Amino acid sequence: MKCVICNSQDITRRKVEEEIRKNSDLILVPVEVLVCEGCGERYYDRRTMKTLEDIEQSIKEKRASLQKVGRVLRVS
């Protein structure tokens, strides 16, 4: 496989945290994807996309089990 952005062939499978935003909340979802080591472009397979869609839907329906991991502060 060759990266469509930088043409690098150095693409590896890695665990990353995908971000889902809901209003002012940021939800981190650990997933395994292919990542170009040259430019960081991520490639998602169908199963991973379906998982992310299902999680996003469960968040909308307030069925998701979420764990608070910190706070976000903004400089005013």
N, C-alpha and C. Protein backbone atom coordinates (compact mmCIF):
# COMPACT_ATOMS: atom_id res chain seq x y z
N MET A 1 0.85 -1.18 0.00
CA MET A 1 0.00 0.00 0.00
C MET A 1 0.89 1.24 0.00
N LYS A 2 0.45 2.25 -0.74
CA LYS A 2 1.19 3.51 -0.82
C LYS A 2 0.28 4.63 -0.32
N CYS A 3 0.83 5.56 0.46
CA CYS A 3 0.07 6.69 0.99
C CYS A 3 -0.41 7.58 -0.15
N VAL A 4 -1.69 7.95 -0.11
CA VAL A 4 -2.24 8.80 -1.17
C VAL A 4 -1.82 10.27 -1.00
N ILE A 5 -1.29 10.63 0.16
CA ILE A 5 -0.87 12.01 0.41
C ILE A 5 0.60 12.23 0.04
N CYS A 6 1.50 11.39 0.57
CA CYS A 6 2.94 11.62 0.38
C CYS A 6 3.65 10.53 -0.42
N ASN A 7 2.91 9.51 -0.85
CA ASN A 7 3.44 8.38 -1.63
C ASN A 7 4.39 7.47 -0.87
N SER A 8 4.50 7.63 0.44
CA SER A 8 5.35 6.75 1.24
C SER A 8 4.76 5.35 1.28
N GLN A 9 5.62 4.35 1.32
CA GLN A 9 5.16 2.97 1.47
C GLN A 9 5.34 2.49 2.91
N ASP A 10 5.78 3.39 3.79
CA ASP A 10 6.00 3.06 5.20
C ASP A 10 4.70 3.27 5.98
N ILE A 11 3.81 2.28 5.88
CA ILE A 11 2.51 2.35 6.54
C ILE A 11 2.41 1.20 7.53
N THR A 12 2.10 1.53 8.79
CA THR A 12 2.04 0.52 9.84
C THR A 12 0.71 0.57 10.57
N ARG A 13 0.35 -0.56 11.17
CA ARG A 13 -0.86 -0.65 11.98
C ARG A 13 -0.51 -0.18 13.39
N ARG A 14 -1.31 0.78 13.90
CA ARG A 14 -1.06 1.33 15.24
C ARG A 14 -2.37 1.56 15.97
N LYS A 15 -2.28 1.57 17.29
CA LYS A 15 -3.42 1.97 18.11
C LYS A 15 -3.36 3.48 18.28
N VAL A 16 -4.48 4.14 18.01
CA VAL A 16 -4.58 5.59 18.14
C VAL A 16 -5.86 5.92 18.91
N GLU A 17 -5.98 7.15 19.35
CA GLU A 17 -7.21 7.60 19.99
C GLU A 17 -7.93 8.53 19.03
N GLU A 18 -9.07 8.09 18.57
CA GLU A 18 -9.91 8.91 17.69
C GLU A 18 -10.76 9.82 18.56
N GLU A 19 -10.96 11.05 18.11
CA GLU A 19 -11.74 12.02 18.88
C GLU A 19 -13.15 12.15 18.32
N ILE A 20 -14.13 12.08 19.22
CA ILE A 20 -15.52 12.37 18.87
C ILE A 20 -15.92 13.56 19.72
N ARG A 21 -16.42 14.60 19.08
CA ARG A 21 -16.84 15.80 19.81
C ARG A 21 -18.36 15.84 19.90
N LYS A 22 -18.84 16.13 21.11
CA LYS A 22 -20.27 16.31 21.34
C LYS A 22 -20.42 17.57 22.18
N ASN A 23 -20.95 18.62 21.56
CA ASN A 23 -21.04 19.93 22.21
C ASN A 23 -19.64 20.35 22.65
N SER A 24 -19.44 20.59 23.95
CA SER A 24 -18.11 20.99 24.42
C SER A 24 -17.32 19.80 24.96
N ASP A 25 -17.86 18.59 24.81
CA ASP A 25 -17.18 17.39 25.31
C ASP A 25 -16.30 16.77 24.22
N LEU A 26 -15.20 16.19 24.64
CA LEU A 26 -14.30 15.48 23.75
C LEU A 26 -14.22 14.05 24.25
N ILE A 27 -14.61 13.09 23.41
CA ILE A 27 -14.62 11.68 23.79
C ILE A 27 -13.52 10.98 23.01
N LEU A 28 -12.63 10.29 23.71
CA LEU A 28 -11.51 9.58 23.09
C LEU A 28 -11.88 8.11 22.94
N VAL A 29 -11.70 7.59 21.72
CA VAL A 29 -12.03 6.20 21.41
C VAL A 29 -10.77 5.51 20.90
N PRO A 30 -10.26 4.50 21.63
CA PRO A 30 -9.07 3.79 21.14
C PRO A 30 -9.45 2.86 19.98
N VAL A 31 -8.74 3.00 18.86
CA VAL A 31 -8.96 2.16 17.69
C VAL A 31 -7.62 1.79 17.07
N GLU A 32 -7.63 0.74 16.26
CA GLU A 32 -6.43 0.32 15.55
C GLU A 32 -6.61 0.67 14.08
N VAL A 33 -5.66 1.42 13.53
CA VAL A 33 -5.74 1.88 12.14
C VAL A 33 -4.38 1.75 11.47
N LEU A 34 -4.37 1.92 10.16
CA LEU A 34 -3.12 2.02 9.42
C LEU A 34 -2.71 3.48 9.41
N VAL A 35 -1.42 3.74 9.68
CA VAL A 35 -0.92 5.12 9.74
C VAL A 35 0.32 5.23 8.86
N CYS A 36 0.34 6.26 8.02
CA CYS A 36 1.53 6.55 7.22
C CYS A 36 2.58 7.16 8.15
N GLU A 37 3.76 6.56 8.18
CA GLU A 37 4.83 7.07 9.04
C GLU A 37 5.46 8.33 8.44
N GLY A 38 5.22 8.58 7.17
CA GLY A 38 5.78 9.77 6.53
C GLY A 38 5.02 11.04 6.85
N CYS A 39 3.68 10.97 6.81
CA CYS A 39 2.90 12.20 6.98
C CYS A 39 1.81 12.09 8.05
N GLY A 40 1.56 10.89 8.58
CA GLY A 40 0.56 10.73 9.63
C GLY A 40 -0.85 10.46 9.14
N GLU A 41 -1.05 10.37 7.83
CA GLU A 41 -2.38 10.07 7.29
C GLU A 41 -2.88 8.74 7.85
N ARG A 42 -4.16 8.71 8.24
CA ARG A 42 -4.75 7.50 8.82
C ARG A 42 -5.68 6.84 7.81
N TYR A 43 -5.68 5.51 7.83
CA TYR A 43 -6.55 4.72 6.96
C TYR A 43 -7.40 3.80 7.83
N TYR A 44 -8.71 3.90 7.66
CA TYR A 44 -9.67 3.16 8.48
C TYR A 44 -10.33 2.07 7.64
N ASP A 45 -10.41 0.85 8.21
CA ASP A 45 -11.14 -0.20 7.50
C ASP A 45 -12.63 -0.09 7.83
N ARG A 46 -13.44 -0.86 7.13
CA ARG A 46 -14.90 -0.78 7.32
C ARG A 46 -15.32 -1.12 8.74
N ARG A 47 -14.69 -2.13 9.33
CA ARG A 47 -15.05 -2.55 10.69
C ARG A 47 -14.80 -1.43 11.69
N THR A 48 -13.67 -0.75 11.56
CA THR A 48 -13.34 0.36 12.46
C THR A 48 -14.32 1.51 12.27
N MET A 49 -14.65 1.82 11.02
CA MET A 49 -15.62 2.89 10.76
C MET A 49 -16.98 2.55 11.36
N LYS A 50 -17.40 1.30 11.22
CA LYS A 50 -18.69 0.86 11.79
C LYS A 50 -18.65 0.99 13.31
N THR A 51 -17.54 0.61 13.93
CA THR A 51 -17.39 0.73 15.38
C THR A 51 -17.52 2.19 15.80
N LEU A 52 -16.84 3.09 15.11
CA LEU A 52 -16.91 4.51 15.45
C LEU A 52 -18.33 5.06 15.26
N GLU A 53 -19.00 4.64 14.19
CA GLU A 53 -20.38 5.08 13.96
C GLU A 53 -21.31 4.57 15.07
N ASP A 54 -21.12 3.31 15.48
CA ASP A 54 -21.95 2.73 16.55
C ASP A 54 -21.72 3.47 17.87
N ILE A 55 -20.46 3.78 18.17
CA ILE A 55 -20.15 4.50 19.41
C ILE A 55 -20.75 5.90 19.36
N GLU A 56 -20.63 6.57 18.23
CA GLU A 56 -21.20 7.91 18.09
C GLU A 56 -22.72 7.88 18.30
N GLN A 57 -23.37 6.86 17.74
CA GLN A 57 -24.82 6.72 17.91
C GLN A 57 -25.17 6.46 19.37
N SER A 58 -24.40 5.61 20.05
CA SER A 58 -24.69 5.31 21.46
C SER A 58 -24.47 6.54 22.34
N ILE A 59 -23.55 7.41 21.95
CA ILE A 59 -23.34 8.67 22.68
C ILE A 59 -24.56 9.57 22.50
N LYS A 60 -25.05 9.67 21.26
CA LYS A 60 -26.24 10.49 20.99
C LYS A 60 -27.45 9.99 21.78
N GLU A 61 -27.57 8.67 21.90
CA GLU A 61 -28.70 8.08 22.61
C GLU A 61 -28.45 7.95 24.11
N LYS A 62 -27.29 8.45 24.55
CA LYS A 62 -26.90 8.42 25.97
C LYS A 62 -26.85 7.01 26.53
N ARG A 63 -26.40 6.05 25.69
CA ARG A 63 -26.24 4.66 26.12
C ARG A 63 -24.77 4.32 26.37
N ALA A 64 -23.88 5.17 25.95
CA ALA A 64 -22.45 4.88 26.04
C ALA A 64 -21.97 4.95 27.48
N SER A 65 -21.07 4.04 27.82
CA SER A 65 -20.45 4.05 29.14
C SER A 65 -19.16 4.87 29.03
N LEU A 66 -19.17 6.05 29.63
CA LEU A 66 -18.03 6.96 29.52
C LEU A 66 -17.35 7.14 30.87
N GLN A 67 -16.04 7.27 30.84
CA GLN A 67 -15.25 7.46 32.05
C GLN A 67 -14.61 8.84 32.00
N LYS A 68 -14.79 9.63 33.04
CA LYS A 68 -14.17 10.96 33.10
C LYS A 68 -12.68 10.79 33.35
N VAL A 69 -11.85 11.44 32.53
CA VAL A 69 -10.40 11.28 32.67
C VAL A 69 -9.68 12.59 32.96
N GLY A 70 -10.38 13.68 33.07
CA GLY A 70 -9.70 14.95 33.36
C GLY A 70 -10.62 16.12 33.11
N ARG A 71 -10.00 17.30 32.99
CA ARG A 71 -10.74 18.53 32.73
C ARG A 71 -10.05 19.29 31.61
N VAL A 72 -10.83 20.07 30.93
CA VAL A 72 -10.29 20.95 29.90
C VAL A 72 -10.45 22.37 30.40
N LEU A 73 -9.39 23.14 30.34
CA LEU A 73 -9.42 24.53 30.78
C LEU A 73 -9.07 25.42 29.60
N ARG A 74 -9.66 26.60 29.55
CA ARG A 74 -9.40 27.55 28.48
C ARG A 74 -8.83 28.83 29.07
N VAL A 75 -7.81 29.38 28.43
CA VAL A 75 -7.25 30.66 28.85
C VAL A 75 -8.24 31.74 28.44
N SER A 76 -8.57 32.64 29.39
CA SER A 76 -9.54 33.70 29.06
C SER A 76 -8.84 35.02 28.84
